[in-house]
Amino acid sequence: MNTNWQLLADNLPIFIPLILLELILMVTALVHVLRHPHYRFGNRILWVLIVVFIQIIGPILYFVFGRGDDRRG
């Protein structure tokens, strides 16, 4: 079991940036989902669940496929 902690400690410089990237993407996507009412596919609840539970892929999916047109006019 001690080897697992050592493995984590050895790879911590790799994990910290990945975790920060995931958190920044998730927060950015959640803010956008909650502020904008228009989506290309699905609804607000669906996109919140996708963004939160599908880790780093969920926010990317939202920005590529879910985000609606922001232009108002």
PDB file of N, CA and C in Angstrom:
ATOM      1  N   MET A   1       0.825  -1.197   0.000  1.00  0.00           N
ATOM      2  CA  MET A   1       0.000   0.000   0.000  1.00  0.00           C
ATOM      3  C   MET A   1       0.861   1.249   0.000  1.00  0.00           C
ATOM      4  N   ASN A   2       2.007   1.179   0.597  1.00  0.00           N
ATOM      5  CA  ASN A   2       2.908   2.313   0.611  1.00  0.00           C
ATOM      6  C   ASN A   2       3.356   2.681  -0.798  1.00  0.00           C
ATOM      7  N   THR A   3       3.437   1.705  -1.692  1.00  0.00           N
ATOM      8  CA  THR A   3       3.860   1.984  -3.059  1.00  0.00           C
ATOM      9  C   THR A   3       2.824   2.819  -3.809  1.00  0.00           C
ATOM     10  N   ASN A   4       1.534   2.661  -3.478  1.00  0.00           N
ATOM     11  CA  ASN A   4       0.504   3.483  -4.105  1.00  0.00           C
ATOM     12  C   ASN A   4       0.675   4.948  -3.749  1.00  0.00           C
ATOM     13  N   TRP A   5       0.967   5.235  -2.492  1.00  0.00           N
ATOM     14  CA  TRP A   5       1.184   6.622  -2.077  1.00  0.00           C
ATOM     15  C   TRP A   5       2.439   7.185  -2.719  1.00  0.00           C
ATOM     16  N   GLN A   6       3.456   6.360  -2.858  1.00  0.00           N
ATOM     17  CA  GLN A   6       4.687   6.798  -3.502  1.00  0.00           C
ATOM     18  C   GLN A   6       4.444   7.107  -4.983  1.00  0.00           C
ATOM     19  N   LEU A   7       3.651   6.268  -5.635  1.00  0.00           N
ATOM     20  CA  LEU A   7       3.298   6.507  -7.031  1.00  0.00           C
ATOM     21  C   LEU A   7       2.543   7.820  -7.178  1.00  0.00           C
ATOM     22  N   LEU A   8       1.603   8.071  -6.291  1.00  0.00           N
ATOM     23  CA  LEU A   8       0.859   9.326  -6.314  1.00  0.00           C
ATOM     24  C   LEU A   8       1.788  10.509  -6.087  1.00  0.00           C
ATOM     25  N   ALA A   9       2.664  10.415  -5.112  1.00  0.00           N
ATOM     26  CA  ALA A   9       3.599  11.503  -4.815  1.00  0.00           C
ATOM     27  C   ALA A   9       4.539  11.752  -5.990  1.00  0.00           C
ATOM     28  N   ASP A  10       4.974  10.704  -6.662  1.00  0.00           N
ATOM     29  CA  ASP A  10       5.875  10.858  -7.805  1.00  0.00           C
ATOM     30  C   ASP A  10       5.191  11.540  -8.985  1.00  0.00           C
ATOM     31  N   ASN A  11       3.903  11.290  -9.159  1.00  0.00           N
ATOM     32  CA  ASN A  11       3.166  11.838 -10.306  1.00  0.00           C
ATOM     33  C   ASN A  11       2.346  13.076  -9.976  1.00  0.00           C
ATOM     34  N   LEU A  12       2.469  13.588  -8.787  1.00  0.00           N
ATOM     35  CA  LEU A  12       1.697  14.761  -8.378  1.00  0.00           C
ATOM     36  C   LEU A  12       1.929  15.976  -9.277  1.00  0.00           C
ATOM     37  N   PRO A  13       3.141  16.236  -9.752  1.00  0.00           N
ATOM     38  CA  PRO A  13       3.319  17.374 -10.667  1.00  0.00           C
ATOM     39  C   PRO A  13       2.535  17.233 -11.970  1.00  0.00           C
ATOM     40  N   ILE A  14       2.184  16.031 -12.356  1.00  0.00           N
ATOM     41  CA  ILE A  14       1.363  15.822 -13.548  1.00  0.00           C
ATOM     42  C   ILE A  14      -0.123  15.964 -13.205  1.00  0.00           C
ATOM     43  N   PHE A  15      -0.526  15.442 -12.053  1.00  0.00           N
ATOM     44  CA  PHE A  15      -1.940  15.444 -11.673  1.00  0.00           C
ATOM     45  C   PHE A  15      -2.473  16.828 -11.331  1.00  0.00           C
ATOM     46  N   ILE A  16      -1.692  17.663 -10.691  1.00  0.00           N
ATOM     47  CA  ILE A  16      -2.184  18.976 -10.251  1.00  0.00           C
ATOM     48  C   ILE A  16      -2.624  19.843 -11.431  1.00  0.00           C
ATOM     49  N   PRO A  17      -1.826  19.997 -12.496  1.00  0.00           N
ATOM     50  CA  PRO A  17      -2.323  20.791 -13.634  1.00  0.00           C
ATOM     51  C   PRO A  17      -3.554  20.191 -14.298  1.00  0.00           C
ATOM     52  N   LEU A  18      -3.622  18.856 -14.377  1.00  0.00           N
ATOM     53  CA  LEU A  18      -4.798  18.225 -14.978  1.00  0.00           C
ATOM     54  C   LEU A  18      -6.052  18.466 -14.146  1.00  0.00           C
ATOM     55  N   ILE A  19      -5.913  18.385 -12.838  1.00  0.00           N
ATOM     56  CA  ILE A  19      -7.052  18.636 -11.947  1.00  0.00           C
ATOM     57  C   ILE A  19      -7.489  20.088 -12.050  1.00  0.00           C
ATOM     58  N   LEU A  20      -6.534  21.011 -12.074  1.00  0.00           N
ATOM     59  CA  LEU A  20      -6.876  22.436 -12.212  1.00  0.00           C
ATOM     60  C   LEU A  20      -7.551  22.723 -13.551  1.00  0.00           C
ATOM     61  N   LEU A  21      -7.056  22.125 -14.620  1.00  0.00           N
ATOM     62  CA  LEU A  21      -7.676  22.292 -15.931  1.00  0.00           C
ATOM     63  C   LEU A  21      -9.107  21.782 -15.931  1.00  0.00           C
ATOM     64  N   GLU A  22      -9.316  20.628 -15.343  1.00  0.00           N
ATOM     65  CA  GLU A  22     -10.669  20.056 -15.279  1.00  0.00           C
ATOM     66  C   GLU A  22     -11.602  20.946 -14.481  1.00  0.00           C
ATOM     67  N   LEU A  23     -11.138  21.459 -13.347  1.00  0.00           N
ATOM     68  CA  LEU A  23     -11.977  22.331 -12.517  1.00  0.00           C
ATOM     69  C   LEU A  23     -12.303  23.643 -13.226  1.00  0.00           C
ATOM     70  N   ILE A  24     -11.326  24.229 -13.893  1.00  0.00           N
ATOM     71  CA  ILE A  24     -11.572  25.480 -14.615  1.00  0.00           C
ATOM     72  C   ILE A  24     -12.572  25.260 -15.744  1.00  0.00           C
ATOM     73  N   LEU A  25     -12.405  24.182 -16.502  1.00  0.00           N
ATOM     74  CA  LEU A  25     -13.362  23.878 -17.573  1.00  0.00           C
ATOM     75  C   LEU A  25     -14.762  23.639 -17.024  1.00  0.00           C
ATOM     76  N   MET A  26     -14.857  22.892 -15.919  1.00  0.00           N
ATOM     77  CA  MET A  26     -16.161  22.582 -15.349  1.00  0.00           C
ATOM     78  C   MET A  26     -16.858  23.848 -14.846  1.00  0.00           C
ATOM     79  N   VAL A  27     -16.141  24.693 -14.127  1.00  0.00           N
ATOM     80  CA  VAL A  27     -16.750  25.914 -13.595  1.00  0.00           C
ATOM     81  C   VAL A  27     -17.165  26.840 -14.734  1.00  0.00           C
ATOM     82  N   THR A  28     -16.315  26.987 -15.736  1.00  0.00           N
ATOM     83  CA  THR A  28     -16.641  27.839 -16.876  1.00  0.00           C
ATOM     84  C   THR A  28     -17.883  27.331 -17.606  1.00  0.00           C
ATOM     85  N   ALA A  29     -17.945  26.038 -17.834  1.00  0.00           N
ATOM     86  CA  ALA A  29     -19.105  25.456 -18.521  1.00  0.00           C
ATOM     87  C   ALA A  29     -20.363  25.587 -17.670  1.00  0.00           C
ATOM     88  N   LEU A  30     -20.263  25.344 -16.364  1.00  0.00           N
ATOM     89  CA  LEU A  30     -21.444  25.476 -15.489  1.00  0.00           C
ATOM     90  C   LEU A  30     -21.965  26.899 -15.466  1.00  0.00           C
ATOM     91  N   VAL A  31     -21.072  27.868 -15.381  1.00  0.00           N
ATOM     92  CA  VAL A  31     -21.503  29.273 -15.395  1.00  0.00           C
ATOM     93  C   VAL A  31     -22.224  29.571 -16.701  1.00  0.00           C
ATOM     94  N   HIS A  32     -21.680  29.093 -17.803  1.00  0.00           N
ATOM     95  CA  HIS A  32     -22.318  29.353 -19.096  1.00  0.00           C
ATOM     96  C   HIS A  32     -23.664  28.654 -19.190  1.00  0.00           C
ATOM     97  N   VAL A  33     -23.745  27.406 -18.742  1.00  0.00           N
ATOM     98  CA  VAL A  33     -25.013  26.669 -18.780  1.00  0.00           C
ATOM     99  C   VAL A  33     -26.077  27.392 -17.966  1.00  0.00           C
ATOM    100  N   LEU A  34     -25.717  27.862 -16.794  1.00  0.00           N
ATOM    101  CA  LEU A  34     -26.698  28.482 -15.906  1.00  0.00           C
ATOM    102  C   LEU A  34     -27.094  29.891 -16.337  1.00  0.00           C
ATOM    103  N   ARG A  35     -26.262  30.581 -17.085  1.00  0.00           N
ATOM    104  CA  ARG A  35     -26.569  31.954 -17.510  1.00  0.00           C
ATOM    105  C   ARG A  35     -27.268  32.040 -18.855  1.00  0.00           C
ATOM    106  N   HIS A  36     -27.117  31.052 -19.701  1.00  0.00           N
ATOM    107  CA  HIS A  36     -27.673  31.131 -21.049  1.00  0.00           C
ATOM    108  C   HIS A  36     -28.815  30.127 -21.220  1.00  0.00           C
ATOM    109  N   PRO A  37     -29.947  30.591 -21.706  1.00  0.00           N
ATOM    110  CA  PRO A  37     -31.123  29.715 -21.809  1.00  0.00           C
ATOM    111  C   PRO A  37     -31.200  28.908 -23.106  1.00  0.00           C
ATOM    112  N   HIS A  38     -30.334  29.172 -24.068  1.00  0.00           N
ATOM    113  CA  HIS A  38     -30.456  28.506 -25.371  1.00  0.00           C
ATOM    114  C   HIS A  38     -29.346  27.483 -25.563  1.00  0.00           C
ATOM    115  N   TYR A  39     -29.750  26.271 -25.956  1.00  0.00           N
ATOM    116  CA  TYR A  39     -28.817  25.179 -26.200  1.00  0.00           C
ATOM    117  C   TYR A  39     -29.150  24.559 -27.541  1.00  0.00           C
ATOM    118  N   ARG A  40     -28.148  24.060 -28.233  1.00  0.00           N
ATOM    119  CA  ARG A  40     -28.399  23.402 -29.514  1.00  0.00           C
ATOM    120  C   ARG A  40     -29.109  22.075 -29.312  1.00  0.00           C
ATOM    121  N   PHE A  41     -28.664  21.317 -28.289  1.00  0.00           N
ATOM    122  CA  PHE A  41     -29.267  20.024 -27.986  1.00  0.00           C
ATOM    123  C   PHE A  41     -29.540  19.949 -26.499  1.00  0.00           C
ATOM    124  N   GLY A  42     -30.618  19.322 -26.114  1.00  0.00           N
ATOM    125  CA  GLY A  42     -30.914  19.088 -24.705  1.00  0.00           C
ATOM    126  C   GLY A  42     -31.412  20.317 -23.976  1.00  0.00           C
ATOM    127  N   ASN A  43     -31.398  20.215 -22.649  1.00  0.00           N
ATOM    128  CA  ASN A  43     -31.858  21.308 -21.813  1.00  0.00           C
ATOM    129  C   ASN A  43     -30.844  21.573 -20.697  1.00  0.00           C
ATOM    130  N   ARG A  44     -31.148  22.503 -19.829  1.00  0.00           N
ATOM    131  CA  ARG A  44     -30.217  22.932 -18.781  1.00  0.00           C
ATOM    132  C   ARG A  44     -29.836  21.784 -17.842  1.00  0.00           C
ATOM    133  N   ILE A  45     -30.813  21.012 -17.394  1.00  0.00           N
ATOM    134  CA  ILE A  45     -30.531  19.927 -16.442  1.00  0.00           C
ATOM    135  C   ILE A  45     -29.614  18.889 -17.075  1.00  0.00           C
ATOM    136  N   LEU A  46     -29.874  18.535 -18.321  1.00  0.00           N
ATOM    137  CA  LEU A  46     -29.035  17.561 -19.024  1.00  0.00           C
ATOM    138  C   LEU A  46     -27.593  18.049 -19.097  1.00  0.00           C
ATOM    139  N   TRP A  47     -27.394  19.319 -19.471  1.00  0.00           N
ATOM    140  CA  TRP A  47     -26.031  19.827 -19.615  1.00  0.00           C
ATOM    141  C   TRP A  47     -25.324  19.979 -18.281  1.00  0.00           C
ATOM    142  N   VAL A  48     -26.038  20.327 -17.233  1.00  0.00           N
ATOM    143  CA  VAL A  48     -25.407  20.382 -15.911  1.00  0.00           C
ATOM    144  C   VAL A  48     -24.921  18.999 -15.507  1.00  0.00           C
ATOM    145  N   LEU A  49     -25.737  17.988 -15.715  1.00  0.00           N
ATOM    146  CA  LEU A  49     -25.333  16.620 -15.376  1.00  0.00           C
ATOM    147  C   LEU A  49     -24.135  16.159 -16.209  1.00  0.00           C
ATOM    148  N   ILE A  50     -24.151  16.458 -17.496  1.00  0.00           N
ATOM    149  CA  ILE A  50     -23.039  16.062 -18.360  1.00  0.00           C
ATOM    150  C   ILE A  50     -21.756  16.764 -17.936  1.00  0.00           C
ATOM    151  N   VAL A  51     -21.830  18.060 -17.682  1.00  0.00           N
ATOM    152  CA  VAL A  51     -20.637  18.833 -17.316  1.00  0.00           C
ATOM    153  C   VAL A  51     -20.057  18.349 -15.998  1.00  0.00           C
ATOM    154  N   VAL A  52     -20.908  18.047 -15.025  1.00  0.00           N
ATOM    155  CA  VAL A  52     -20.419  17.682 -13.699  1.00  0.00           C
ATOM    156  C   VAL A  52     -19.941  16.234 -13.643  1.00  0.00           C
ATOM    157  N   PHE A  53     -20.653  15.316 -14.262  1.00  0.00           N
ATOM    158  CA  PHE A  53     -20.365  13.904 -14.069  1.00  0.00           C
ATOM    159  C   PHE A  53     -19.473  13.262 -15.128  1.00  0.00           C
ATOM    160  N   ILE A  54     -19.250  13.911 -16.243  1.00  0.00           N
ATOM    161  CA  ILE A  54     -18.392  13.314 -17.272  1.00  0.00           C
ATOM    162  C   ILE A  54     -17.039  14.029 -17.278  1.00  0.00           C
ATOM    163  N   GLN A  55     -16.579  14.413 -16.150  1.00  0.00           N
ATOM    164  CA  GLN A  55     -15.260  15.001 -15.911  1.00  0.00           C
ATOM    165  C   GLN A  55     -14.811  15.924 -17.025  1.00  0.00           C
ATOM    166  N   ILE A  56     -13.634  15.736 -17.562  1.00  0.00           N
ATOM    167  CA  ILE A  56     -13.040  16.697 -18.496  1.00  0.00           C
ATOM    168  C   ILE A  56     -13.728  16.674 -19.864  1.00  0.00           C
ATOM    169  N   ILE A  57     -14.340  15.561 -20.228  1.00  0.00           N
ATOM    170  CA  ILE A  57     -15.010  15.447 -21.529  1.00  0.00           C
ATOM    171  C   ILE A  57     -16.340  16.199 -21.537  1.00  0.00           C
ATOM    172  N   GLY A  58     -17.061  16.232 -20.408  1.00  0.00           N
ATOM    173  CA  GLY A  58     -18.362  16.895 -20.339  1.00  0.00           C
ATOM    174  C   GLY A  58     -18.325  18.366 -20.708  1.00  0.00           C
ATOM    175  N   PRO A  59     -17.440  19.163 -20.099  1.00  0.00           N
ATOM    176  CA  PRO A  59     -17.368  20.574 -20.495  1.00  0.00           C
ATOM    177  C   PRO A  59     -16.979  20.770 -21.952  1.00  0.00           C
ATOM    178  N   ILE A  60     -16.085  19.929 -22.447  1.00  0.00           N
ATOM    179  CA  ILE A  60     -15.691  20.041 -23.852  1.00  0.00           C
ATOM    180  C   ILE A  60     -16.880  19.726 -24.752  1.00  0.00           C
ATOM    181  N   LEU A  61     -17.648  18.690 -24.411  1.00  0.00           N
ATOM    182  CA  LEU A  61     -18.857  18.372 -25.182  1.00  0.00           C
ATOM    183  C   LEU A  61     -19.838  19.535 -25.174  1.00  0.00           C
ATOM    184  N   TYR A  62     -19.996  20.179 -24.019  1.00  0.00           N
ATOM    185  CA  TYR A  62     -20.922  21.312 -23.943  1.00  0.00           C
ATOM    186  C   TYR A  62     -20.482  22.433 -24.874  1.00  0.00           C
ATOM    187  N   PHE A  63     -19.205  22.812 -24.810  1.00  0.00           N
ATOM    188  CA  PHE A  63     -18.753  23.930 -25.634  1.00  0.00           C
ATOM    189  C   PHE A  63     -18.759  23.604 -27.123  1.00  0.00           C
ATOM    190  N   VAL A  64     -18.609  22.336 -27.482  1.00  0.00           N
ATOM    191  CA  VAL A  64     -18.612  21.957 -28.898  1.00  0.00           C
ATOM    192  C   VAL A  64     -20.039  21.750 -29.411  1.00  0.00           C
ATOM    193  N   PHE A  65     -20.880  21.024 -28.653  1.00  0.00           N
ATOM    194  CA  PHE A  65     -22.195  20.629 -29.161  1.00  0.00           C
ATOM    195  C   PHE A  65     -23.379  21.309 -28.485  1.00  0.00           C
ATOM    196  N   GLY A  66     -23.276  21.721 -27.248  1.00  0.00           N
ATOM    197  CA  GLY A  66     -24.437  22.177 -26.520  1.00  0.00           C
ATOM    198  C   GLY A  66     -24.668  23.662 -26.503  1.00  0.00           C
ATOM    199  N   ARG A  67     -23.598  24.404 -26.536  1.00  0.00           N
ATOM    200  CA  ARG A  67     -23.729  25.856 -26.413  1.00  0.00           C
ATOM    201  C   ARG A  67     -24.491  26.418 -27.592  1.00  0.00           C
ATOM    202  N   GLY A  68     -25.528  27.162 -27.280  1.00  0.00           N
ATOM    203  CA  GLY A  68     -26.339  27.756 -28.324  1.00  0.00           C
ATOM    204  C   GLY A  68     -25.731  29.041 -28.829  1.00  0.00           C
ATOM    205  N   ASP A  69     -26.430  29.674 -29.725  1.00  0.00           N
ATOM    206  CA  ASP A  69     -25.973  30.921 -30.309  1.00  0.00           C
ATOM    207  C   ASP A  69     -26.119  32.047 -29.288  1.00  0.00           C
ATOM    208  N   ASP A  70     -25.034  32.746 -29.012  1.00  0.00           N
ATOM    209  CA  ASP A  70     -25.060  33.822 -28.018  1.00  0.00           C
ATOM    210  C   ASP A  70     -25.531  35.142 -28.597  1.00  0.00           C
ATOM    211  N   ARG A  71     -25.637  35.226 -29.893  1.00  0.00           N
ATOM    212  CA  ARG A  71     -26.057  36.489 -30.497  1.00  0.00           C
ATOM    213  C   ARG A  71     -27.516  36.779 -30.207  1.00  0.00           C
ATOM    214  N   ARG A  72     -27.757  38.002 -29.813  1.00  0.00           N
ATOM    215  CA  ARG A  72     -29.143  38.418 -29.539  1.00  0.00           C
ATOM    216  C   ARG A  72     -29.500  39.510 -30.522  1.00  0.00           C
ATOM    217  N   GLY A  73     -30.692  39.457 -31.000  1.00  0.00           N
ATOM    218  CA  GLY A  73     -31.001  40.525 -31.919  1.00  0.00           C
ATOM    219  C   GLY A  73     -32.331  40.364 -32.465  1.00  0.00           C
TER     220      GLY A  73
END
